[in-house]
Amino acid sequence: MSETHDVVTPTIDALEALPWTTCHRLQSGDARVRGGYMRGNETGTPDIIVSIYGRTLYLEAKSKDGKLKPAQRRFAERAIRNGCLYATIRSVSEALGIARKILAKGRP
C-alpha cells in the first residue's frame, strides 16, 4: 500500500461520519482489466470528492513530501475558478479540520 492510499480510505471513513457530508473515492488514469484497459476519470482528478451542505470539496492526498503534478494543478485551478473548494491533504486530521471549518460556517 502506498502512503497516500493509507490516508484516502480512513479519510473517507472519517468524513462520512460527519453530518451533512458525503464522500466518494475517485480513480483517474487507466486500469488494466481483462482484455485491455479501462479509462478512469481524467488525469489530474483528485483522490476524494466531498459534498458538505451541497458544496463540492476536492481532496488530493499526498505523501509528506509529495507535490501536485501539472495535471493536478490544472484541475485544482479549474475547480476553484468554478466555485469548488480544493485542498491537498497529508493526514486524516487535516481533512477533518477542513471539513469542520466548512460545517462551522453553516449552510450556504
N, C-alpha and C. Protein backbone atom coordinates (compact mmCIF):
# COMPACT_ATOMS: atom_id res chain seq x y z
N MET A 1 0.84 -1.19 0.00
CA MET A 1 0.00 0.00 0.00
C MET A 1 0.87 1.24 0.00
N SER A 2 0.42 2.25 -0.73
CA SER A 2 1.18 3.49 -0.76
C SER A 2 0.81 4.36 0.44
N GLU A 3 1.67 5.31 0.70
CA GLU A 3 1.43 6.22 1.82
C GLU A 3 0.13 7.00 1.62
N THR A 4 -0.13 7.43 0.37
CA THR A 4 -1.36 8.19 0.12
C THR A 4 -2.59 7.29 0.23
N HIS A 5 -2.49 6.03 -0.21
CA HIS A 5 -3.62 5.12 -0.09
C HIS A 5 -3.96 4.90 1.38
N ASP A 6 -2.95 4.89 2.23
CA ASP A 6 -3.16 4.72 3.67
C ASP A 6 -3.93 5.90 4.27
N VAL A 7 -3.96 7.03 3.58
CA VAL A 7 -4.69 8.20 4.05
C VAL A 7 -6.09 8.25 3.45
N VAL A 8 -6.26 7.83 2.21
CA VAL A 8 -7.52 8.00 1.50
C VAL A 8 -8.68 7.25 2.16
N THR A 9 -8.54 5.96 2.36
CA THR A 9 -9.66 5.18 2.91
C THR A 9 -10.04 5.63 4.32
N PRO A 10 -9.09 5.81 5.24
CA PRO A 10 -9.51 6.30 6.56
C PRO A 10 -10.10 7.71 6.53
N THR A 11 -9.65 8.54 5.58
CA THR A 11 -10.21 9.88 5.45
C THR A 11 -11.67 9.80 5.03
N ILE A 12 -11.96 8.97 4.06
CA ILE A 12 -13.36 8.80 3.63
C ILE A 12 -14.21 8.30 4.78
N ASP A 13 -13.73 7.31 5.51
CA ASP A 13 -14.48 6.78 6.65
C ASP A 13 -14.75 7.87 7.70
N ALA A 14 -13.74 8.67 7.99
CA ALA A 14 -13.89 9.73 8.99
C ALA A 14 -14.85 10.83 8.53
N LEU A 15 -14.72 11.22 7.27
CA LEU A 15 -15.60 12.28 6.75
C LEU A 15 -17.05 11.82 6.65
N GLU A 16 -17.25 10.56 6.29
CA GLU A 16 -18.62 10.03 6.19
C GLU A 16 -19.33 10.04 7.54
N ALA A 17 -18.58 10.05 8.63
CA ALA A 17 -19.18 10.07 9.97
C ALA A 17 -19.68 11.46 10.36
N LEU A 18 -19.26 12.49 9.62
CA LEU A 18 -19.70 13.86 9.91
C LEU A 18 -21.10 14.10 9.36
N PRO A 19 -21.87 15.00 9.98
CA PRO A 19 -23.21 15.30 9.45
C PRO A 19 -23.11 16.06 8.14
N TRP A 20 -24.11 15.90 7.29
CA TRP A 20 -24.24 16.65 6.04
C TRP A 20 -23.08 16.44 5.08
N THR A 21 -22.42 15.28 5.18
CA THR A 21 -21.22 15.03 4.39
C THR A 21 -21.34 13.70 3.64
N THR A 22 -21.01 13.74 2.36
CA THR A 22 -20.96 12.55 1.51
C THR A 22 -19.63 12.53 0.80
N CYS A 23 -18.98 11.37 0.71
CA CYS A 23 -17.65 11.26 0.09
C CYS A 23 -17.62 10.12 -0.92
N HIS A 24 -16.75 10.28 -1.90
CA HIS A 24 -16.51 9.21 -2.87
C HIS A 24 -15.05 9.20 -3.25
N ARG A 25 -14.52 8.02 -3.48
CA ARG A 25 -13.14 7.83 -3.96
C ARG A 25 -13.18 7.95 -5.48
N LEU A 26 -12.28 8.73 -6.04
CA LEU A 26 -12.19 8.89 -7.49
C LEU A 26 -10.94 8.20 -8.01
N GLN A 27 -11.06 7.51 -9.11
CA GLN A 27 -9.91 6.86 -9.74
C GLN A 27 -9.65 7.58 -11.06
N SER A 28 -8.40 7.88 -11.32
CA SER A 28 -8.07 8.52 -12.59
C SER A 28 -7.05 7.69 -13.35
N GLY A 29 -6.92 7.98 -14.62
CA GLY A 29 -5.97 7.26 -15.46
C GLY A 29 -6.53 5.94 -15.94
N ASP A 30 -5.65 5.06 -16.43
CA ASP A 30 -6.05 3.78 -16.99
C ASP A 30 -5.82 2.65 -15.99
N ALA A 31 -6.69 1.66 -16.02
CA ALA A 31 -6.53 0.47 -15.19
C ALA A 31 -6.59 -0.76 -16.10
N ARG A 32 -5.70 -1.68 -15.87
CA ARG A 32 -5.68 -2.90 -16.67
C ARG A 32 -6.82 -3.81 -16.22
N VAL A 33 -7.62 -4.23 -17.17
CA VAL A 33 -8.72 -5.15 -16.91
C VAL A 33 -8.63 -6.29 -17.92
N ARG A 34 -9.39 -7.33 -17.68
CA ARG A 34 -9.37 -8.47 -18.60
C ARG A 34 -9.66 -7.99 -20.02
N GLY A 35 -8.76 -8.31 -20.92
CA GLY A 35 -8.98 -7.95 -22.31
C GLY A 35 -8.52 -6.56 -22.70
N GLY A 36 -7.92 -5.80 -21.79
CA GLY A 36 -7.45 -4.48 -22.18
C GLY A 36 -7.34 -3.52 -21.01
N TYR A 37 -7.76 -2.29 -21.28
CA TYR A 37 -7.66 -1.23 -20.27
C TYR A 37 -9.01 -0.55 -20.10
N MET A 38 -9.21 -0.01 -18.92
CA MET A 38 -10.42 0.77 -18.65
C MET A 38 -9.98 2.18 -18.28
N ARG A 39 -10.62 3.16 -18.84
CA ARG A 39 -10.30 4.55 -18.57
C ARG A 39 -11.08 5.02 -17.35
N GLY A 40 -10.35 5.57 -16.37
CA GLY A 40 -10.99 6.15 -15.19
C GLY A 40 -11.29 7.62 -15.47
N ASN A 41 -11.33 8.42 -14.44
CA ASN A 41 -11.53 9.86 -14.60
C ASN A 41 -10.32 10.47 -15.29
N GLU A 42 -10.46 11.69 -15.75
CA GLU A 42 -9.36 12.35 -16.44
C GLU A 42 -8.13 12.45 -15.54
N THR A 43 -6.96 12.43 -16.15
CA THR A 43 -5.71 12.56 -15.41
C THR A 43 -5.73 13.86 -14.63
N GLY A 44 -5.30 13.81 -13.39
CA GLY A 44 -5.29 15.01 -12.55
C GLY A 44 -6.46 15.10 -11.59
N THR A 45 -7.46 14.23 -11.79
CA THR A 45 -8.62 14.22 -10.90
C THR A 45 -8.17 13.87 -9.49
N PRO A 46 -8.64 14.61 -8.47
CA PRO A 46 -8.22 14.33 -7.09
C PRO A 46 -8.71 12.98 -6.58
N ASP A 47 -8.18 12.57 -5.45
CA ASP A 47 -8.49 11.26 -4.88
C ASP A 47 -9.90 11.16 -4.29
N ILE A 48 -10.39 12.25 -3.72
CA ILE A 48 -11.66 12.22 -2.99
C ILE A 48 -12.51 13.42 -3.40
N ILE A 49 -13.80 13.17 -3.61
CA ILE A 49 -14.76 14.26 -3.79
C ILE A 49 -15.70 14.22 -2.59
N VAL A 50 -15.92 15.39 -2.00
CA VAL A 50 -16.74 15.50 -0.80
C VAL A 50 -17.83 16.54 -1.06
N SER A 51 -19.02 16.24 -0.60
CA SER A 51 -20.11 17.21 -0.62
C SER A 51 -20.47 17.52 0.82
N ILE A 52 -20.37 18.80 1.18
CA ILE A 52 -20.72 19.25 2.52
C ILE A 52 -21.73 20.37 2.35
N TYR A 53 -22.93 20.16 2.85
CA TYR A 53 -24.02 21.12 2.65
C TYR A 53 -24.17 21.44 1.16
N GLY A 54 -23.89 20.48 0.30
CA GLY A 54 -24.03 20.70 -1.14
C GLY A 54 -22.85 21.41 -1.78
N ARG A 55 -21.87 21.83 -0.99
CA ARG A 55 -20.63 22.44 -1.53
C ARG A 55 -19.68 21.33 -1.93
N THR A 56 -19.04 21.48 -3.07
CA THR A 56 -18.10 20.46 -3.55
C THR A 56 -16.69 20.78 -3.07
N LEU A 57 -16.08 19.79 -2.42
CA LEU A 57 -14.71 19.89 -1.95
C LEU A 57 -13.93 18.73 -2.56
N TYR A 58 -12.86 19.05 -3.27
CA TYR A 58 -11.97 18.04 -3.81
C TYR A 58 -10.75 17.93 -2.90
N LEU A 59 -10.36 16.69 -2.59
CA LEU A 59 -9.19 16.45 -1.75
C LEU A 59 -8.18 15.58 -2.49
N GLU A 60 -6.97 16.06 -2.58
CA GLU A 60 -5.87 15.29 -3.17
C GLU A 60 -4.95 14.86 -2.04
N ALA A 61 -4.81 13.55 -1.86
CA ALA A 61 -3.93 13.02 -0.81
C ALA A 61 -2.50 12.93 -1.34
N LYS A 62 -1.58 13.43 -0.56
CA LYS A 62 -0.15 13.39 -0.92
C LYS A 62 0.65 12.88 0.26
N SER A 63 1.78 12.30 -0.06
CA SER A 63 2.71 11.88 0.99
C SER A 63 3.31 13.12 1.64
N LYS A 64 4.09 12.91 2.67
CA LYS A 64 4.69 14.02 3.41
C LYS A 64 5.42 15.00 2.48
N ASP A 65 6.14 14.47 1.51
CA ASP A 65 6.93 15.32 0.60
C ASP A 65 6.31 15.45 -0.78
N GLY A 66 5.13 14.86 -1.00
CA GLY A 66 4.51 14.86 -2.32
C GLY A 66 4.06 16.25 -2.77
N LYS A 67 4.15 16.47 -4.07
CA LYS A 67 3.73 17.73 -4.68
C LYS A 67 2.72 17.45 -5.78
N LEU A 68 1.87 18.42 -6.07
CA LEU A 68 0.90 18.26 -7.14
C LEU A 68 1.62 18.18 -8.49
N LYS A 69 1.15 17.28 -9.34
CA LYS A 69 1.64 17.19 -10.71
C LYS A 69 0.95 18.28 -11.53
N PRO A 70 1.49 18.64 -12.70
CA PRO A 70 0.88 19.70 -13.51
C PRO A 70 -0.61 19.47 -13.80
N ALA A 71 -1.00 18.24 -14.14
CA ALA A 71 -2.42 17.97 -14.42
C ALA A 71 -3.27 18.18 -13.17
N GLN A 72 -2.73 17.85 -12.00
CA GLN A 72 -3.46 18.06 -10.75
C GLN A 72 -3.59 19.55 -10.45
N ARG A 73 -2.55 20.30 -10.73
CA ARG A 73 -2.61 21.76 -10.54
C ARG A 73 -3.66 22.38 -11.46
N ARG A 74 -3.69 21.93 -12.70
CA ARG A 74 -4.70 22.46 -13.64
C ARG A 74 -6.11 22.13 -13.17
N PHE A 75 -6.32 20.90 -12.68
CA PHE A 75 -7.63 20.53 -12.17
C PHE A 75 -8.01 21.43 -11.00
N ALA A 76 -7.08 21.62 -10.06
CA ALA A 76 -7.35 22.46 -8.89
C ALA A 76 -7.72 23.88 -9.30
N GLU A 77 -6.96 24.45 -10.22
CA GLU A 77 -7.24 25.82 -10.68
C GLU A 77 -8.62 25.91 -11.32
N ARG A 78 -8.97 24.92 -12.15
CA ARG A 78 -10.28 24.94 -12.80
C ARG A 78 -11.41 24.77 -11.78
N ALA A 79 -11.22 23.86 -10.82
CA ALA A 79 -12.24 23.64 -9.80
C ALA A 79 -12.48 24.90 -8.97
N ILE A 80 -11.43 25.55 -8.55
CA ILE A 80 -11.54 26.78 -7.75
C ILE A 80 -12.18 27.89 -8.57
N ARG A 81 -11.77 28.00 -9.82
CA ARG A 81 -12.34 29.03 -10.71
C ARG A 81 -13.86 28.84 -10.87
N ASN A 82 -14.30 27.58 -10.80
CA ASN A 82 -15.72 27.27 -10.95
C ASN A 82 -16.48 27.22 -9.63
N GLY A 83 -15.85 27.69 -8.54
CA GLY A 83 -16.55 27.82 -7.27
C GLY A 83 -16.46 26.63 -6.34
N CYS A 84 -15.66 25.64 -6.69
CA CYS A 84 -15.46 24.48 -5.82
C CYS A 84 -14.34 24.77 -4.82
N LEU A 85 -14.26 23.95 -3.81
CA LEU A 85 -13.17 24.02 -2.84
C LEU A 85 -12.18 22.92 -3.18
N TYR A 86 -10.90 23.16 -2.93
CA TYR A 86 -9.86 22.18 -3.27
C TYR A 86 -8.78 22.26 -2.20
N ALA A 87 -8.30 21.09 -1.77
CA ALA A 87 -7.22 21.07 -0.78
C ALA A 87 -6.35 19.83 -0.99
N THR A 88 -5.09 20.00 -0.67
CA THR A 88 -4.16 18.88 -0.63
C THR A 88 -4.03 18.46 0.82
N ILE A 89 -4.21 17.17 1.08
CA ILE A 89 -4.15 16.67 2.46
C ILE A 89 -3.02 15.66 2.60
N ARG A 90 -2.50 15.57 3.81
CA ARG A 90 -1.45 14.60 4.11
C ARG A 90 -1.82 13.70 5.29
N SER A 91 -3.01 13.97 5.87
CA SER A 91 -3.47 13.16 7.00
C SER A 91 -4.99 13.25 7.13
N VAL A 92 -5.53 12.30 7.87
CA VAL A 92 -6.96 12.31 8.16
C VAL A 92 -7.33 13.55 8.96
N SER A 93 -6.52 13.89 9.95
CA SER A 93 -6.84 15.05 10.80
C SER A 93 -6.86 16.34 9.99
N GLU A 94 -6.00 16.45 8.99
CA GLU A 94 -6.01 17.64 8.13
C GLU A 94 -7.33 17.73 7.35
N ALA A 95 -7.78 16.60 6.81
CA ALA A 95 -9.05 16.58 6.07
C ALA A 95 -10.22 16.91 7.00
N LEU A 96 -10.21 16.34 8.20
CA LEU A 96 -11.29 16.63 9.14
C LEU A 96 -11.31 18.10 9.54
N GLY A 97 -10.15 18.71 9.71
CA GLY A 97 -10.09 20.13 10.05
C GLY A 97 -10.72 20.99 8.97
N ILE A 98 -10.44 20.67 7.72
CA ILE A 98 -11.02 21.41 6.60
C ILE A 98 -12.54 21.24 6.59
N ALA A 99 -13.00 20.00 6.73
CA ALA A 99 -14.44 19.74 6.70
C ALA A 99 -15.15 20.42 7.87
N ARG A 100 -14.55 20.40 9.04
CA ARG A 100 -15.19 21.03 10.22
C ARG A 100 -15.29 22.54 10.06
N LYS A 101 -14.32 23.16 9.40
CA LYS A 101 -14.41 24.61 9.13
C LYS A 101 -15.59 24.91 8.22
N ILE A 102 -15.79 24.07 7.21
CA ILE A 102 -16.92 24.26 6.30
C ILE A 102 -18.23 24.07 7.06
N LEU A 103 -18.30 23.01 7.88
CA LEU A 103 -19.51 22.76 8.66
C LEU A 103 -19.81 23.90 9.64
N ALA A 104 -18.77 24.48 10.22
CA ALA A 104 -18.94 25.56 11.20
C ALA A 104 -19.56 26.80 10.57
N LYS A 105 -19.33 27.00 9.29
CA LYS A 105 -19.92 28.16 8.60
C LYS A 105 -21.40 27.99 8.37
N GLY A 106 -21.89 26.76 8.45
CA GLY A 106 -23.31 26.51 8.25
C GLY A 106 -23.66 26.40 6.79
N ARG A 107 -24.92 26.19 6.54
CA ARG A 107 -25.42 26.05 5.17
C ARG A 107 -25.26 27.36 4.40
N PRO A 108 -24.91 27.25 3.12
CA PRO A 108 -24.80 28.49 2.33
C PRO A 108 -26.15 29.12 2.08
